[in-house]
Structure formats: structure tokens, C-alpha cells
Amino acid sequence: MSFEEEWGELKAAASMRLNQAGGTGGSGAAKGSADYVVSDDELGDIGHAAFDLFNGLESTGKHAKAASAAAGTSLKGDGFDTGAAFTEVIETWETQVKTLLQACAHISNHLDYTKASKKADDEWVETQLRIVGPVAPGADEAVPASQISKYFR
């Protein structure tokens, strides 16, 4: 079997599993639903974990840089080829740490934005519903956007 054939089969199998994501449970998804539902608390937890990883990695990712650079320079000065290679490894490590830091920042910032944006959208819809008035029997005021779907059965 060629690589392309095997890769195609694996992609098709993954696609089938993704299309059935709601059928195996999940947080908040109705059984059999293909929608992926994430609560605000879960978004906050993921964003907080990314923020913590960023803060921890920022300091600990650089802990050996000075000592390693000194060792590489010393080895190079003593005529060892490994000194130059060691210095190159340090530069690669630093680039990878910076890339991971940037990824953590993007995740944290995006989830903060998503949470704030969802709240702003809900508030806008709620304001629009107040103009129309109560939408449910016995409701004294507008229903939040996240709750309105239960009235469409």
C-alpha cells in the first residue's frame, strides 16, 4: 500500500470519528449530536492553563541558557567542534521556546476574546429581545440567547 493510499484511509477514518464526536458523550453535547459544546468554565480553564504554561515556560525555558552558552564558547575556544554545535543547539532551543510561548499566548488571548465576545453577543441579543418583549409564557423579561433554543420545540 502506498503512502498516499494509507494516508487517505487514515484521514477518512478520522473524519468519520469527528463526525460522530457527540455520539460518545462529551461535555454538554446531546447524545448523537455532532456539535461540540464547551462551557465558559472550560474555556476559562483551558485559557488559564495556557497562561500558566506561558508564565512557567518564560522563566524556566531560559534557565540553562547562560551556563550552556558559556560551555559552548569554552569548548569552541578549546578547539572542540562540539562547542559550535552546542551553541547552535542553544539557539534552536531558544527559538522553540519562543514559538511555544507565542502559541500559549495566542491560545490564552483567543479564549479570553472568545469568552468576552460570546458575552457581548448574548448581551446584544438580550437587548434586541427586550425591544420585542417577553418571549416565553410566564416570563417577565427577555430570555438570554443561550437559553432561547429550549423554547423552539
C-alpha atoms as a PDB file:
ATOM      1  CA  MET A   1       0.000   0.000   0.000  1.00  0.00           C
ATOM      2  CA  SER A   2       1.391   3.398  -0.941  1.00  0.00           C
ATOM      3  CA  PHE A   3       1.771   6.269   1.473  1.00  0.00           C
ATOM      4  CA  GLU A   4      -0.967   8.239  -0.298  1.00  0.00           C
ATOM      5  CA  GLU A   5      -3.438   5.338  -0.038  1.00  0.00           C
ATOM      6  CA  GLU A   6      -2.670   4.754   3.639  1.00  0.00           C
ATOM      7  CA  TRP A   7      -2.844   8.490   4.385  1.00  0.00           C
ATOM      8  CA  GLY A   8      -6.207   8.728   2.579  1.00  0.00           C
ATOM      9  CA  GLU A   9      -7.629   5.838   4.628  1.00  0.00           C
ATOM     10  CA  LEU A  10      -6.426   7.370   7.894  1.00  0.00           C
ATOM     11  CA  LYS A  11      -7.932  10.767   7.018  1.00  0.00           C
ATOM     12  CA  ALA A  12     -11.260   9.142   6.112  1.00  0.00           C
ATOM     13  CA  ALA A  13     -11.308   7.195   9.397  1.00  0.00           C
ATOM     14  CA  ALA A  14     -10.519  10.353  11.381  1.00  0.00           C
ATOM     15  CA  SER A  15     -13.252  12.243   9.552  1.00  0.00           C
ATOM     16  CA  MET A  16     -15.771   9.561  10.439  1.00  0.00           C
ATOM     17  CA  ARG A  17     -14.773   9.747  14.112  1.00  0.00           C
ATOM     18  CA  LEU A  18     -15.022  13.548  14.110  1.00  0.00           C
ATOM     19  CA  ASN A  19     -18.488  13.395  12.549  1.00  0.00           C
ATOM     20  CA  GLN A  20     -19.576  11.118  15.385  1.00  0.00           C
ATOM     21  CA  ALA A  21     -17.983  13.194  18.174  1.00  0.00           C
ATOM     22  CA  GLY A  22     -21.252  13.826  20.005  1.00  0.00           C
ATOM     23  CA  GLY A  23     -22.278  10.160  19.958  1.00  0.00           C
ATOM     24  CA  THR A  24     -19.692   9.159  22.556  1.00  0.00           C
ATOM     25  CA  GLY A  25     -20.667  11.763  25.087  1.00  0.00           C
ATOM     26  CA  GLY A  26     -18.681  14.870  25.774  1.00  0.00           C
ATOM     27  CA  SER A  27     -19.353  17.843  27.952  1.00  0.00           C
ATOM     28  CA  GLY A  28     -22.794  19.192  27.351  1.00  0.00           C
ATOM     29  CA  ALA A  29     -23.363  17.677  23.911  1.00  0.00           C
ATOM     30  CA  ALA A  30     -26.607  15.806  23.480  1.00  0.00           C
ATOM     31  CA  LYS A  31     -26.107  12.114  22.728  1.00  0.00           C
ATOM     32  CA  GLY A  32     -25.982  11.652  18.964  1.00  0.00           C
ATOM     33  CA  SER A  33     -25.301  15.334  18.325  1.00  0.00           C
ATOM     34  CA  ALA A  34     -22.281  16.202  16.182  1.00  0.00           C
ATOM     35  CA  ASP A  35     -21.929  19.636  17.799  1.00  0.00           C
ATOM     36  CA  TYR A  36     -19.013  20.200  20.121  1.00  0.00           C
ATOM     37  CA  VAL A  37     -20.114  22.177  23.160  1.00  0.00           C
ATOM     38  CA  VAL A  38     -17.712  23.866  25.541  1.00  0.00           C
ATOM     39  CA  SER A  39     -18.873  25.769  28.584  1.00  0.00           C
ATOM     40  CA  ASP A  40     -17.445  29.123  29.638  1.00  0.00           C
ATOM     41  CA  ASP A  41     -15.814  27.461  32.649  1.00  0.00           C
ATOM     42  CA  GLU A  42     -13.973  25.009  30.398  1.00  0.00           C
ATOM     43  CA  LEU A  43     -12.798  27.840  28.135  1.00  0.00           C
ATOM     44  CA  GLY A  44     -11.556  29.670  31.204  1.00  0.00           C
ATOM     45  CA  ASP A  45      -9.731  26.583  32.476  1.00  0.00           C
ATOM     46  CA  ILE A  46      -8.006  25.992  29.132  1.00  0.00           C
ATOM     47  CA  GLY A  47      -7.056  29.664  28.839  1.00  0.00           C
ATOM     48  CA  HIS A  48      -5.760  29.685  32.409  1.00  0.00           C
ATOM     49  CA  ALA A  49      -3.669  26.551  31.754  1.00  0.00           C
ATOM     50  CA  ALA A  50      -2.165  28.206  28.668  1.00  0.00           C
ATOM     51  CA  PHE A  51      -1.460  31.349  30.711  1.00  0.00           C
ATOM     52  CA  ASP A  52       0.202  29.291  33.482  1.00  0.00           C
ATOM     53  CA  LEU A  53       2.281  27.382  30.925  1.00  0.00           C
ATOM     54  CA  PHE A  54       3.356  30.679  29.366  1.00  0.00           C
ATOM     55  CA  ASN A  55       4.418  32.130  32.725  1.00  0.00           C
ATOM     56  CA  GLY A  56       6.246  28.984  33.813  1.00  0.00           C
ATOM     57  CA  LEU A  57       7.967  28.418  30.497  1.00  0.00           C
ATOM     58  CA  GLU A  58       9.050  32.020  30.136  1.00  0.00           C
ATOM     59  CA  SER A  59      11.341  31.740  33.146  1.00  0.00           C
ATOM     60  CA  THR A  60      12.242  28.036  33.197  1.00  0.00           C
ATOM     61  CA  GLY A  61      12.769  27.759  29.440  1.00  0.00           C
ATOM     62  CA  LYS A  62      15.770  30.059  29.777  1.00  0.00           C
ATOM     63  CA  HIS A  63      17.270  28.576  32.953  1.00  0.00           C
ATOM     64  CA  ALA A  64      20.248  26.877  31.339  1.00  0.00           C
ATOM     65  CA  LYS A  65      20.950  29.400  28.590  1.00  0.00           C
ATOM     66  CA  ALA A  66      23.794  31.299  30.272  1.00  0.00           C
ATOM     67  CA  ALA A  67      25.617  28.190  31.534  1.00  0.00           C
ATOM     68  CA  SER A  68      25.149  26.381  28.216  1.00  0.00           C
ATOM     69  CA  ALA A  69      26.363  29.380  26.227  1.00  0.00           C
ATOM     70  CA  ALA A  70      29.446  29.653  28.430  1.00  0.00           C
ATOM     71  CA  ALA A  71      30.153  25.930  27.977  1.00  0.00           C
ATOM     72  CA  GLY A  72      29.727  26.179  24.195  1.00  0.00           C
ATOM     73  CA  THR A  73      32.037  29.186  23.994  1.00  0.00           C
ATOM     74  CA  SER A  74      34.623  27.476  26.175  1.00  0.00           C
ATOM     75  CA  LEU A  75      34.514  24.281  24.119  1.00  0.00           C
ATOM     76  CA  LYS A  76      34.804  26.242  20.886  1.00  0.00           C
ATOM     77  CA  GLY A  77      37.721  28.240  22.336  1.00  0.00           C
ATOM     78  CA  ASP A  78      39.489  24.984  23.234  1.00  0.00           C
ATOM     79  CA  GLY A  79      39.197  23.828  19.616  1.00  0.00           C
ATOM     80  CA  PHE A  80      36.338  21.356  20.020  1.00  0.00           C
ATOM     81  CA  ASP A  81      33.843  21.230  17.149  1.00  0.00           C
ATOM     82  CA  THR A  82      31.139  20.308  19.629  1.00  0.00           C
ATOM     83  CA  GLY A  83      31.354  23.842  21.025  1.00  0.00           C
ATOM     84  CA  ALA A  84      29.920  25.344  17.832  1.00  0.00           C
ATOM     85  CA  ALA A  85      27.294  22.596  17.642  1.00  0.00           C
ATOM     86  CA  PHE A  86      26.398  23.204  21.281  1.00  0.00           C
ATOM     87  CA  THR A  87      25.900  26.907  20.603  1.00  0.00           C
ATOM     88  CA  GLU A  88      23.668  26.063  17.630  1.00  0.00           C
ATOM     89  CA  VAL A  89      21.558  23.731  19.789  1.00  0.00           C
ATOM     90  CA  ILE A  90      21.082  26.557  22.303  1.00  0.00           C
ATOM     91  CA  GLU A  91      19.833  28.864  19.536  1.00  0.00           C
ATOM     92  CA  THR A  92      17.427  26.193  18.274  1.00  0.00           C
ATOM     93  CA  TRP A  93      16.132  25.586  21.803  1.00  0.00           C
ATOM     94  CA  GLU A  94      15.580  29.308  22.317  1.00  0.00           C
ATOM     95  CA  THR A  95      13.647  29.557  19.038  1.00  0.00           C
ATOM     96  CA  GLN A  96      11.460  26.605  20.024  1.00  0.00           C
ATOM     97  CA  VAL A  97      10.761  28.070  23.467  1.00  0.00           C
ATOM     98  CA  LYS A  98       9.761  31.382  21.888  1.00  0.00           C
ATOM     99  CA  THR A  99       7.462  29.552  19.445  1.00  0.00           C
ATOM    100  CA  LEU A 100       5.778  27.655  22.277  1.00  0.00           C
ATOM    101  CA  LEU A 101       5.424  30.874  24.288  1.00  0.00           C
ATOM    102  CA  GLN A 102       3.763  32.532  21.322  1.00  0.00           C
ATOM    103  CA  ALA A 103       1.374  29.574  20.902  1.00  0.00           C
ATOM    104  CA  CYS A 104       0.410  29.716  24.603  1.00  0.00           C
ATOM    105  CA  ALA A 105      -0.192  33.464  24.355  1.00  0.00           C
ATOM    106  CA  HIS A 106      -2.387  33.008  21.277  1.00  0.00           C
ATOM    107  CA  ILE A 107      -4.446  30.292  22.983  1.00  0.00           C
ATOM    108  CA  SER A 108      -4.905  32.311  26.167  1.00  0.00           C
ATOM    109  CA  ASN A 109      -5.711  35.553  24.336  1.00  0.00           C
ATOM    110  CA  HIS A 110      -8.071  33.852  21.883  1.00  0.00           C
ATOM    111  CA  LEU A 111     -10.039  32.157  24.645  1.00  0.00           C
ATOM    112  CA  ASP A 112     -10.264  35.425  26.587  1.00  0.00           C
ATOM    113  CA  TYR A 113     -11.532  37.102  23.406  1.00  0.00           C
ATOM    114  CA  THR A 114     -13.973  34.256  22.670  1.00  0.00           C
ATOM    115  CA  LYS A 115     -15.421  34.410  26.172  1.00  0.00           C
ATOM    116  CA  ALA A 116     -15.801  38.205  26.057  1.00  0.00           C
ATOM    117  CA  SER A 117     -17.187  38.105  22.515  1.00  0.00           C
ATOM    118  CA  LYS A 118     -19.782  35.456  23.421  1.00  0.00           C
ATOM    119  CA  LYS A 119     -20.854  37.530  26.417  1.00  0.00           C
ATOM    120  CA  ALA A 120     -21.132  40.650  24.251  1.00  0.00           C
ATOM    121  CA  ASP A 121     -23.158  38.734  21.640  1.00  0.00           C
ATOM    122  CA  ASP A 122     -25.514  37.410  24.323  1.00  0.00           C
ATOM    123  CA  GLU A 123     -25.974  40.919  25.717  1.00  0.00           C
ATOM    124  CA  TRP A 124     -26.716  42.317  22.241  1.00  0.00           C
ATOM    125  CA  VAL A 125     -29.316  39.609  21.559  1.00  0.00           C
ATOM    126  CA  GLU A 126     -30.823  40.118  25.006  1.00  0.00           C
ATOM    127  CA  THR A 127     -31.139  43.846  24.300  1.00  0.00           C
ATOM    128  CA  GLN A 128     -32.861  43.110  20.988  1.00  0.00           C
ATOM    129  CA  LEU A 129     -35.252  40.720  22.715  1.00  0.00           C
ATOM    130  CA  ARG A 130     -36.144  43.358  25.308  1.00  0.00           C
ATOM    131  CA  ILE A 131     -37.366  45.527  22.469  1.00  0.00           C
ATOM    132  CA  VAL A 132     -39.741  42.741  21.397  1.00  0.00           C
ATOM    133  CA  GLY A 133     -40.735  41.825  24.933  1.00  0.00           C
ATOM    134  CA  PRO A 134     -41.101  38.547  26.826  1.00  0.00           C
ATOM    135  CA  VAL A 135     -40.861  35.521  24.542  1.00  0.00           C
ATOM    136  CA  ALA A 136     -41.930  32.728  26.879  1.00  0.00           C
ATOM    137  CA  PRO A 137     -45.153  32.121  28.771  1.00  0.00           C
ATOM    138  CA  GLY A 138     -44.754  33.416  32.304  1.00  0.00           C
ATOM    139  CA  ALA A 139     -41.501  35.243  31.507  1.00  0.00           C
ATOM    140  CA  ASP A 140     -41.315  38.746  32.887  1.00  0.00           C
ATOM    141  CA  GLU A 141     -38.316  39.787  30.844  1.00  0.00           C
ATOM    142  CA  ALA A 142     -36.148  38.759  27.931  1.00  0.00           C
ATOM    143  CA  VAL A 143     -34.630  35.287  27.837  1.00  0.00           C
ATOM    144  CA  PRO A 144     -30.828  35.036  27.462  1.00  0.00           C
ATOM    145  CA  ALA A 145     -29.704  33.941  23.993  1.00  0.00           C
ATOM    146  CA  SER A 146     -28.099  30.817  25.384  1.00  0.00           C
ATOM    147  CA  GLN A 147     -31.486  29.710  26.806  1.00  0.00           C
ATOM    148  CA  ILE A 148     -33.837  30.683  23.978  1.00  0.00           C
ATOM    149  CA  SER A 149     -33.400  27.470  21.963  1.00  0.00           C
ATOM    150  CA  LYS A 150     -35.337  25.442  24.537  1.00  0.00           C
ATOM    151  CA  TYR A 151     -38.488  27.353  23.538  1.00  0.00           C
ATOM    152  CA  PHE A 152     -38.285  26.130  19.918  1.00  0.00           C
ATOM    153  CA  ARG A 153     -39.555  22.549  20.198  1.00  0.00           C
END
